[in-house]
């Protein structure tokens, strides 16, 4: 939450400056030094929020959170008995099929809420995002300028963390994403659209890299030979999850696809309360969610750490997250899916390294950079994490198998 009337956010390749006047906001978008375009967008937030079926009188609307994709605002109401709301402008340049995206979220949240209520959780609205309809009974609103907006109930007394600080937090994060998977395990993935096609498809990412290498638009290929050799040495091995899926060994499930720790809200007792940021919920493999979470939580250093010797795998965090995740998913995951979890942990630093290196060779067109070689450093850091995961392969595989076996033994005991 931001108390001041001016706010600055760095988003991908642009810098956003917010200036509030009552319940209106002017957003000035200034690109970095490599781009000269500048534009200003004004939104009447009071008018936009009034399109939704809210209870209570709106007294203030302030920018909220640290997300890089959508613009998010906390809509405050006057009475304690009335809920607050979260208003979001959906980035339609990233998510081009907004109706499809919102239908995904509508179907998923309704399914999860029904499962929670049927299991005796009568506070399901606290544990799953709740969409607020418009006066036209839709779950999104298109303003006069063609911008798309949505609204949720605001969840008070919750906290999110960018960095996992304790093993207990890691366990809760794993438990939250595992429960999310469990609630959706009986839902047909074919009901959902791909909000970002081929988002985690490593074959497509490698094909894009090879194309950019051949074109060499920024003249940088000769300086990244070591990184390219590293990628090509592992290309076939990193297709393992896709190949297992194509052969039918892995079922296509509904996955979150952005399982960084900040996408779990914790309550005042640091217990997992709600999984958020559902824009990338779509068909995928369970190993994707596990691997993405491990990449962002079990790394002992930052994603772009320049001192590679600082990068390692925090096995305590790895074990805690795995225990939490499998405590909720161990009952329904197949043996092949359990085996694929470690493959997911290896895949994701590789995949992100490929993406960072592709952008570096292409002239830094996608990711915002702070230094001329920032994307190259990001790639080096991800590949170093992969090396550490490979070195610890026996240890992390043993952890996964032990936790999976523990959950299955507990299930058998409960059945008896």
Protein backbone atom coordinates (compact mmCIF):
# COMPACT_ATOMS: atom_id res chain seq x y z
CA UNK A 1 0.00 0.00 0.00
CA UNK A 2 1.29 3.47 -0.85
CA UNK A 3 0.49 6.50 1.26
CA UNK A 4 1.91 9.17 -1.05
CA UNK A 5 0.23 10.73 -4.07
CA UNK A 6 3.20 9.94 -6.32
CA UNK A 7 4.37 6.43 -7.14
CA UNK A 8 7.17 5.09 -9.32
CA UNK A 9 7.24 1.54 -10.67
CA UNK A 10 9.73 -0.17 -12.99
CA UNK A 11 8.00 -2.50 -15.40
CA UNK A 12 9.80 -4.59 -18.04
CA UNK A 13 11.17 -1.96 -20.42
CA UNK A 14 9.36 1.09 -19.00
CA UNK A 15 9.09 3.26 -15.92
CA UNK A 16 5.61 4.11 -14.67
CA UNK A 17 4.94 7.24 -12.64
CA UNK A 18 1.54 7.55 -10.95
CA UNK A 19 0.05 10.91 -9.91
CA UNK A 20 -3.20 10.78 -7.96
CA UNK A 21 -5.88 13.46 -7.88
CA UNK A 22 -8.81 12.31 -5.77
CA UNK A 23 -9.93 9.08 -7.37
CA UNK A 24 -8.34 9.75 -10.74
CA UNK A 25 -4.85 8.77 -11.74
CA UNK A 26 -2.50 9.98 -14.44
CA UNK A 27 0.10 7.44 -15.52
CA UNK A 28 3.17 8.68 -17.35
CA UNK A 29 5.13 5.94 -19.09
CA UNK A 30 8.79 6.78 -19.71
CA UNK A 31 10.97 4.22 -21.48
CA UNK A 32 14.64 3.67 -20.72
CA UNK A 33 17.55 5.33 -22.50
CA UNK A 34 17.37 2.97 -25.48
CA UNK A 35 13.79 3.98 -26.28
CA UNK A 36 12.52 7.48 -26.81
CA UNK A 37 8.76 7.06 -26.72
CA UNK A 38 6.80 8.62 -23.89
CA UNK A 39 3.07 8.55 -23.31
CA UNK A 40 0.60 9.63 -20.66
CA UNK A 41 -2.58 7.75 -19.82
CA UNK A 42 -5.31 9.12 -17.55
CA UNK A 43 -7.86 6.91 -15.80
CA UNK A 44 -10.92 8.00 -13.86
CA UNK A 45 -10.74 5.30 -11.21
CA UNK A 46 -13.94 6.37 -9.49
CA UNK A 47 -15.88 6.00 -12.71
CA UNK A 48 -14.23 2.69 -13.55
CA UNK A 49 -14.82 1.18 -10.10
CA UNK A 50 -18.49 2.24 -10.24
CA UNK A 51 -18.98 -0.18 -13.15
CA UNK A 52 -18.74 -3.05 -10.62
CA UNK A 53 -21.35 -4.22 -8.11
CA UNK A 54 -19.74 -2.99 -4.89
CA UNK A 55 -21.13 -2.51 -1.41
CA UNK A 56 -20.38 0.69 0.48
CA UNK A 57 -19.16 4.15 -0.37
CA UNK A 58 -15.72 4.53 -1.95
CA UNK A 59 -13.56 6.97 0.01
CA UNK A 60 -10.12 6.40 -1.49
CA UNK A 61 -8.34 4.53 -4.26
CA UNK A 62 -4.58 4.01 -3.97
CA UNK A 63 -1.96 2.09 -5.93
CA UNK A 64 -1.20 -1.31 -4.44
CA UNK A 65 1.47 -4.00 -4.69
CA UNK A 66 4.67 -4.42 -6.68
CA UNK A 67 3.46 -6.32 -9.76
CA UNK A 68 5.15 -5.65 -13.08
CA UNK A 69 2.35 -6.53 -15.52
CA UNK A 70 -1.03 -5.19 -14.42
CA UNK A 71 -1.90 -1.87 -12.72
CA UNK A 72 -3.43 -2.62 -9.31
CA UNK A 73 -5.37 -0.35 -6.93
CA UNK A 74 -6.84 -0.76 -3.44
CA UNK A 75 -10.42 0.56 -3.37
CA UNK A 76 -11.22 1.61 0.20
CA UNK A 77 -14.78 1.91 1.49
CA UNK A 78 -16.05 4.05 4.35
CA UNK A 79 -17.59 1.49 6.73
CA UNK A 80 -15.83 -1.38 8.48
CA UNK A 81 -18.83 -3.57 7.73
CA UNK A 82 -18.31 -3.09 3.98
CA UNK A 83 -15.51 -4.91 2.16
CA UNK A 84 -12.62 -3.22 0.39
CA UNK A 85 -11.81 -4.16 -3.18
CA UNK A 86 -8.86 -4.71 -5.50
CA UNK A 87 -9.19 -3.04 -8.91
CA UNK A 88 -6.86 -4.12 -11.72
CA UNK A 89 -6.21 -2.94 -15.24
CA UNK A 90 -5.33 -6.03 -17.25
CA UNK A 91 -2.29 -5.65 -19.48
CA UNK A 92 -3.82 -6.57 -22.83
CA UNK A 93 -0.45 -6.33 -24.59
CA UNK A 94 0.77 -9.30 -22.54
CA UNK A 95 -2.65 -11.03 -22.37
CA UNK A 96 -4.19 -10.53 -25.78
CA UNK A 97 -7.29 -12.67 -25.16
CA UNK A 98 -8.80 -10.91 -22.13
CA UNK A 99 -12.25 -12.58 -22.41
CA UNK A 100 -10.54 -15.99 -22.54
CA UNK A 101 -8.29 -15.11 -19.60
CA UNK A 102 -11.21 -13.95 -17.49
CA UNK A 103 -13.24 -17.05 -18.37
CA UNK A 104 -10.30 -19.15 -17.14
CA UNK A 105 -10.25 -17.30 -13.82
CA UNK A 106 -14.04 -17.50 -13.48
CA UNK A 107 -14.05 -21.28 -14.04
CA UNK A 108 -11.04 -21.97 -11.82
CA UNK A 109 -12.11 -19.84 -8.85
CA UNK A 110 -15.65 -21.25 -8.95
CA UNK A 111 -14.33 -24.83 -9.05
CA UNK A 112 -11.86 -24.31 -6.21
CA UNK A 113 -14.41 -22.50 -4.05
CA UNK A 114 -16.94 -25.31 -4.52
CA UNK A 115 -14.34 -27.90 -3.53
CA UNK A 116 -13.42 -25.89 -0.43
CA UNK A 117 -17.04 -25.46 0.67
CA UNK A 118 -17.78 -29.16 0.10
CA UNK A 119 -14.81 -30.04 2.29
CA UNK A 120 -16.16 -27.92 5.13
CA UNK A 121 -14.28 -24.68 4.50
CA UNK A 122 -17.01 -22.10 4.94
CA UNK A 123 -14.48 -19.26 4.77
CA UNK A 124 -13.66 -20.13 1.17
CA UNK A 125 -13.85 -16.45 0.16
CA UNK A 126 -10.75 -15.88 2.31
CA UNK A 127 -8.85 -18.73 0.69
CA UNK A 128 -9.66 -18.11 -2.97
CA UNK A 129 -9.94 -14.88 -4.96
CA UNK A 130 -13.52 -13.74 -5.52
CA UNK A 131 -14.38 -11.88 -8.72
CA UNK A 132 -16.87 -9.00 -8.50
CA UNK A 133 -19.30 -8.78 -11.42
CA UNK A 134 -20.18 -5.60 -13.28
CA UNK A 135 -23.69 -4.21 -13.51
CA UNK A 136 -23.90 -6.10 -16.81
CA UNK A 137 -23.10 -9.34 -14.90
CA UNK A 138 -19.71 -9.73 -16.56
CA UNK A 139 -16.44 -10.27 -14.71
CA UNK A 140 -14.53 -7.60 -16.61
CA UNK A 141 -15.21 -4.05 -17.72
CA UNK A 142 -14.01 -2.35 -20.89
CA UNK A 143 -13.66 1.41 -20.50
CA UNK A 144 -14.16 4.03 -23.23
CA UNK A 145 -10.48 3.84 -24.21
CA UNK A 146 -10.57 0.07 -24.67
CA UNK A 147 -8.78 -0.81 -21.42
CA UNK A 148 -9.92 -3.92 -19.58
CA UNK A 149 -10.53 -3.92 -15.81
CA UNK A 150 -11.52 -6.48 -13.19
CA UNK A 151 -12.26 -6.39 -9.49
CA UNK A 152 -11.77 -8.78 -6.57
CA UNK A 153 -12.59 -8.62 -2.89
CA UNK A 154 -9.57 -7.25 -1.04
CA UNK A 155 -8.14 -9.76 1.45
CA UNK A 156 -7.17 -7.86 4.64
CA UNK A 157 -4.54 -8.88 7.19
CA UNK A 158 -2.47 -10.77 4.64
CA UNK A 159 1.16 -10.46 3.62
CA UNK A 160 3.24 -11.57 0.67
CA UNK A 161 7.02 -11.91 0.56
CA UNK A 162 9.35 -11.60 -2.41
CA UNK A 163 11.95 -13.79 -0.70
CA UNK A 164 11.47 -16.96 1.34
CA UNK A 165 12.97 -16.22 4.76
CA UNK A 166 12.31 -19.44 6.69
CA UNK A 167 11.71 -23.13 6.13
CA UNK A 168 8.23 -22.70 7.63
CA UNK A 169 7.38 -20.11 4.98
CA UNK A 170 8.68 -22.45 2.28
CA UNK A 171 6.48 -25.25 3.65
CA UNK A 172 3.44 -22.98 3.60
CA UNK A 173 4.20 -21.87 0.05
CA UNK A 174 4.49 -25.47 -1.09
CA UNK A 175 1.29 -26.37 0.76
CA UNK A 176 -0.62 -23.48 -0.87
CA UNK A 177 0.41 -24.35 -4.42
CA UNK A 178 -0.13 -28.04 -3.69
CA UNK A 179 -3.66 -27.41 -2.42
CA UNK A 180 -4.33 -25.30 -5.51
CA UNK A 181 -3.30 -28.28 -7.66
CA UNK A 182 -5.34 -30.68 -5.57
CA UNK A 183 -8.52 -28.62 -5.87
CA UNK A 184 -8.13 -28.56 -9.66
CA UNK A 185 -7.02 -32.18 -10.11
CA UNK A 186 -10.51 -33.26 -11.24
CA UNK A 187 -11.12 -30.31 -13.58
CA UNK A 188 -10.72 -30.81 -17.34
CA UNK A 189 -7.72 -28.77 -18.51
CA UNK A 190 -9.29 -28.54 -21.98
CA UNK A 191 -11.85 -26.10 -20.60
CA UNK A 192 -9.15 -23.42 -20.34
CA UNK A 193 -7.42 -21.39 -23.03
CA UNK A 194 -3.68 -20.72 -23.17
CA UNK A 195 -3.39 -17.14 -21.98
CA UNK A 196 0.25 -17.03 -23.18
CA UNK A 197 0.74 -19.74 -25.81
CA UNK A 198 3.83 -21.94 -25.36
CA UNK A 199 4.77 -20.06 -22.18
CA UNK A 200 6.91 -22.90 -20.78
CA UNK A 201 7.52 -24.77 -24.04
CA UNK A 202 11.30 -25.26 -24.04
CA UNK A 203 11.32 -26.51 -27.65
CA UNK A 204 9.85 -23.22 -28.80
CA UNK A 205 12.24 -21.21 -26.60
CA UNK A 206 15.24 -23.04 -28.06
CA UNK A 207 13.91 -22.54 -31.60
CA UNK A 208 13.63 -18.80 -30.92
CA UNK A 209 17.18 -18.74 -29.53
CA UNK A 210 18.57 -20.48 -32.62
CA UNK A 211 16.76 -18.02 -34.88
CA UNK A 212 18.18 -15.04 -33.00
CA UNK A 213 21.68 -16.58 -33.03
CA UNK A 214 21.50 -16.97 -36.82
CA UNK A 215 20.37 -13.36 -37.24
CA UNK A 216 22.78 -11.98 -34.59
CA UNK A 217 21.14 -8.52 -34.65
CA UNK A 218 23.35 -6.96 -31.94
CA UNK A 219 26.58 -8.68 -32.95
CA UNK A 220 26.93 -10.45 -29.62
CA UNK A 221 27.01 -14.15 -30.55
CA UNK A 222 30.81 -14.50 -30.46
CA UNK A 223 30.97 -13.40 -26.80
CA UNK A 224 28.41 -15.95 -25.57
CA UNK A 225 29.87 -19.13 -27.10
CA UNK A 226 30.37 -20.70 -23.66
CA UNK A 227 26.73 -20.10 -22.69
CA UNK A 228 25.47 -21.38 -26.04
CA UNK A 229 27.56 -24.55 -25.69
CA UNK A 230 26.12 -25.02 -22.18
CA UNK A 231 22.58 -24.79 -23.58
CA UNK A 232 23.13 -27.11 -26.53
CA UNK A 233 24.80 -29.77 -24.36
CA UNK A 234 21.55 -30.05 -22.38
CA UNK A 235 19.00 -29.46 -25.13
CA UNK A 236 17.79 -33.04 -25.49
CA UNK A 237 17.72 -33.71 -21.74
CA UNK A 238 15.63 -30.59 -21.12
CA UNK A 239 12.93 -31.88 -23.47
CA UNK A 240 12.20 -34.71 -21.01
CA UNK A 241 8.99 -33.26 -19.54
CA UNK A 242 7.58 -32.37 -22.95
CA UNK A 243 8.44 -35.84 -24.25
CA UNK A 244 6.83 -37.51 -21.24
CA UNK A 245 3.70 -35.46 -21.89
CA UNK A 246 3.63 -36.29 -25.60
CA UNK A 247 3.98 -40.00 -24.83
CA UNK A 248 1.07 -39.90 -22.37
CA UNK A 249 3.16 -40.49 -19.24
CA UNK A 250 2.22 -37.08 -17.83
CA UNK A 251 -1.39 -35.89 -17.77
CA UNK A 252 -2.11 -32.33 -18.82
CA UNK A 253 -3.37 -30.58 -15.69
CA UNK A 254 -4.45 -27.07 -14.79
CA UNK A 255 -1.35 -25.34 -13.48
CA UNK A 256 -0.63 -21.89 -12.06
CA UNK A 257 2.50 -21.28 -14.16
CA UNK A 258 3.86 -18.40 -12.06
CA UNK A 259 4.63 -19.98 -8.71
CA UNK A 260 6.98 -17.40 -7.23
CA UNK A 261 6.62 -17.07 -3.47
CA UNK A 262 5.07 -13.58 -3.69
CA UNK A 263 2.01 -15.17 -5.30
CA UNK A 264 1.00 -16.74 -1.97
CA UNK A 265 -0.72 -14.58 0.64
CA UNK A 266 0.11 -15.51 4.23
CA UNK A 267 -2.06 -14.65 7.21
CA UNK A 268 -0.95 -12.91 10.43
CA UNK A 269 0.43 -16.24 11.68
CA UNK A 270 2.51 -16.80 8.51
CA UNK A 271 0.14 -19.55 7.41
CA UNK A 272 -0.80 -19.83 3.74
CA UNK A 273 -4.18 -18.26 3.07
CA UNK A 274 -4.62 -17.71 -0.66
CA UNK A 275 -2.89 -18.22 -4.01
CA UNK A 276 -3.08 -15.10 -6.17
CA UNK A 277 -2.16 -13.84 -9.67
CA UNK A 278 -4.21 -16.28 -11.72
CA UNK A 279 -3.57 -14.75 -15.15
CA UNK A 280 -1.32 -17.60 -16.25
CA UNK A 281 -3.54 -20.41 -14.97
CA UNK A 282 -3.88 -22.71 -17.98
CA UNK A 283 -3.09 -26.26 -19.12
CA UNK A 284 0.38 -27.49 -18.18
CA UNK A 285 2.36 -30.14 -16.33
CA UNK A 286 2.63 -30.26 -12.55
CA UNK A 287 6.43 -30.23 -12.79
CA UNK A 288 6.22 -26.70 -14.20
CA UNK A 289 4.70 -25.32 -11.01
CA UNK A 290 7.13 -27.24 -8.81
CA UNK A 291 10.18 -26.27 -10.86
CA UNK A 292 9.30 -22.60 -11.13
CA UNK A 293 8.79 -22.39 -7.37
CA UNK A 294 12.11 -24.08 -6.60
CA UNK A 295 13.97 -21.78 -9.00
CA UNK A 296 12.72 -18.68 -7.21
CA UNK A 297 12.70 -19.91 -3.60
CA UNK A 298 15.60 -22.35 -3.08
CA UNK A 299 18.29 -20.18 -4.70
CA UNK A 300 20.70 -18.80 -2.09
CA UNK A 301 21.26 -15.64 -4.16
CA UNK A 302 19.41 -13.18 -6.37
CA UNK A 303 18.19 -14.09 -9.85
CA UNK A 304 20.87 -11.84 -11.38
CA UNK A 305 23.68 -12.39 -8.86
CA UNK A 306 27.01 -11.24 -10.35
CA UNK A 307 29.18 -13.18 -7.86
CA UNK A 308 28.43 -16.69 -9.06
CA UNK A 309 30.10 -18.29 -6.05
CA UNK A 310 27.20 -17.03 -3.92
CA UNK A 311 24.71 -19.12 -5.87
CA UNK A 312 23.76 -22.50 -4.42
CA UNK A 313 20.73 -24.63 -3.59
CA UNK A 314 19.24 -24.14 -0.13
CA UNK A 315 18.42 -27.78 0.62
CA UNK A 316 16.49 -26.88 3.78
CA UNK A 317 14.17 -24.64 1.76
CA UNK A 318 13.94 -27.25 -1.00
CA UNK A 319 12.93 -29.94 1.47
CA UNK A 320 10.39 -27.73 3.25
CA UNK A 321 8.70 -26.61 0.02
CA UNK A 322 8.64 -30.20 -1.26
CA UNK A 323 7.09 -31.45 1.98
CA UNK A 324 4.37 -28.81 1.82
CA UNK A 325 3.67 -29.39 -1.87
CA UNK A 326 3.46 -33.18 -1.61
CA UNK A 327 1.39 -33.02 1.58
CA UNK A 328 -1.44 -31.83 -0.68
CA UNK A 329 -0.62 -33.57 -3.98
CA UNK A 330 0.88 -36.91 -2.92
CA UNK A 331 -2.52 -38.62 -2.98
CA UNK A 332 -3.22 -38.07 -6.67
CA UNK A 333 0.11 -37.59 -8.48
CA UNK A 334 1.24 -40.58 -10.53
CA UNK A 335 4.70 -42.11 -10.11
CA UNK A 336 5.73 -40.50 -13.40
CA UNK A 337 4.59 -37.09 -12.17
CA UNK A 338 6.57 -37.49 -8.95
CA UNK A 339 9.61 -38.46 -11.01
CA UNK A 340 9.10 -35.37 -13.18
CA UNK A 341 9.29 -32.93 -10.24
CA UNK A 342 13.09 -32.95 -10.08
CA UNK A 343 13.18 -32.61 -13.86
CA UNK A 344 11.07 -29.47 -13.43
CA UNK A 345 13.52 -28.11 -10.87
CA UNK A 346 16.31 -28.55 -13.44
CA UNK A 347 14.28 -27.22 -16.35
CA UNK A 348 13.33 -23.82 -15.00
CA UNK A 349 16.72 -22.20 -14.43
CA UNK A 350 17.66 -23.59 -17.85
CA UNK A 351 14.52 -22.17 -19.46
CA UNK A 352 14.95 -18.75 -17.86
CA UNK A 353 18.64 -18.71 -18.77
CA UNK A 354 17.67 -19.41 -22.38
CA UNK A 355 15.17 -16.56 -22.32
CA UNK A 356 17.64 -14.08 -20.79
CA UNK A 357 20.40 -15.06 -23.23
CA UNK A 358 18.01 -14.84 -26.19
CA UNK A 359 17.11 -11.30 -25.18
CA UNK A 360 20.78 -10.36 -24.74
CA UNK A 361 21.69 -11.61 -28.22
CA UNK A 362 18.61 -9.85 -29.63
CA UNK A 363 19.70 -6.49 -28.22
CA UNK A 364 17.77 -6.44 -24.91
CA UNK A 365 14.32 -5.88 -26.38
CA UNK A 366 12.15 -7.66 -23.82
CA UNK A 367 13.51 -7.43 -20.27
CA UNK A 368 14.36 -4.13 -18.63
CA UNK A 369 18.08 -3.90 -17.94
CA UNK A 370 20.09 -1.92 -15.39
CA UNK A 371 23.49 -2.42 -17.04
CA UNK A 372 24.56 -3.15 -20.64
CA UNK A 373 25.22 -6.83 -19.87
CA UNK A 374 22.40 -7.35 -17.36
CA UNK A 375 20.63 -10.04 -19.39
CA UNK A 376 23.90 -11.90 -19.90
CA UNK A 377 24.53 -11.82 -16.17
CA UNK A 378 21.02 -13.08 -15.50
CA UNK A 379 21.65 -15.98 -17.87
CA UNK A 380 24.99 -16.80 -16.23
CA UNK A 381 23.33 -16.77 -12.79
CA UNK A 382 20.55 -19.12 -13.91
CA UNK A 383 23.03 -21.54 -15.48
CA UNK A 384 25.08 -21.48 -12.28
CA UNK A 385 21.96 -22.42 -10.31
CA UNK A 386 21.35 -25.25 -12.74
CA UNK A 387 24.92 -26.50 -12.21
CA UNK A 388 24.32 -26.53 -8.45
CA UNK A 389 21.04 -28.40 -8.88
CA UNK A 390 22.79 -30.93 -11.11
CA UNK A 391 25.54 -31.33 -8.50
CA UNK A 392 22.88 -31.91 -5.81
CA UNK A 393 20.70 -34.11 -8.04
CA UNK A 394 20.94 -37.22 -5.84
CA UNK A 395 20.09 -35.21 -2.71
CA UNK A 396 17.08 -33.40 -4.17
CA UNK A 397 15.76 -36.54 -5.85
CA UNK A 398 16.04 -38.40 -2.55
CA UNK A 399 14.08 -35.63 -0.82
CA UNK A 400 11.27 -35.77 -3.39
CA UNK A 401 10.97 -39.56 -3.28
CA UNK A 402 11.10 -39.66 0.53
CA UNK A 403 8.38 -37.02 0.90
CA UNK A 404 6.19 -38.70 -1.73
CA UNK A 405 6.56 -42.05 0.01
CA UNK A 406 5.77 -40.46 3.38
CA UNK A 407 2.52 -39.01 2.02
CA UNK A 408 1.48 -42.32 0.49
CA UNK A 409 2.18 -44.24 3.71
CA UNK A 410 0.06 -41.69 5.62
CA UNK A 411 -2.75 -42.09 3.08
CA UNK A 412 -2.72 -45.87 3.52
CA UNK A 413 -2.80 -45.54 7.30
CA UNK A 414 -5.75 -43.16 7.11
CA UNK A 415 -7.59 -45.53 4.77
CA UNK A 416 -7.13 -48.36 7.25
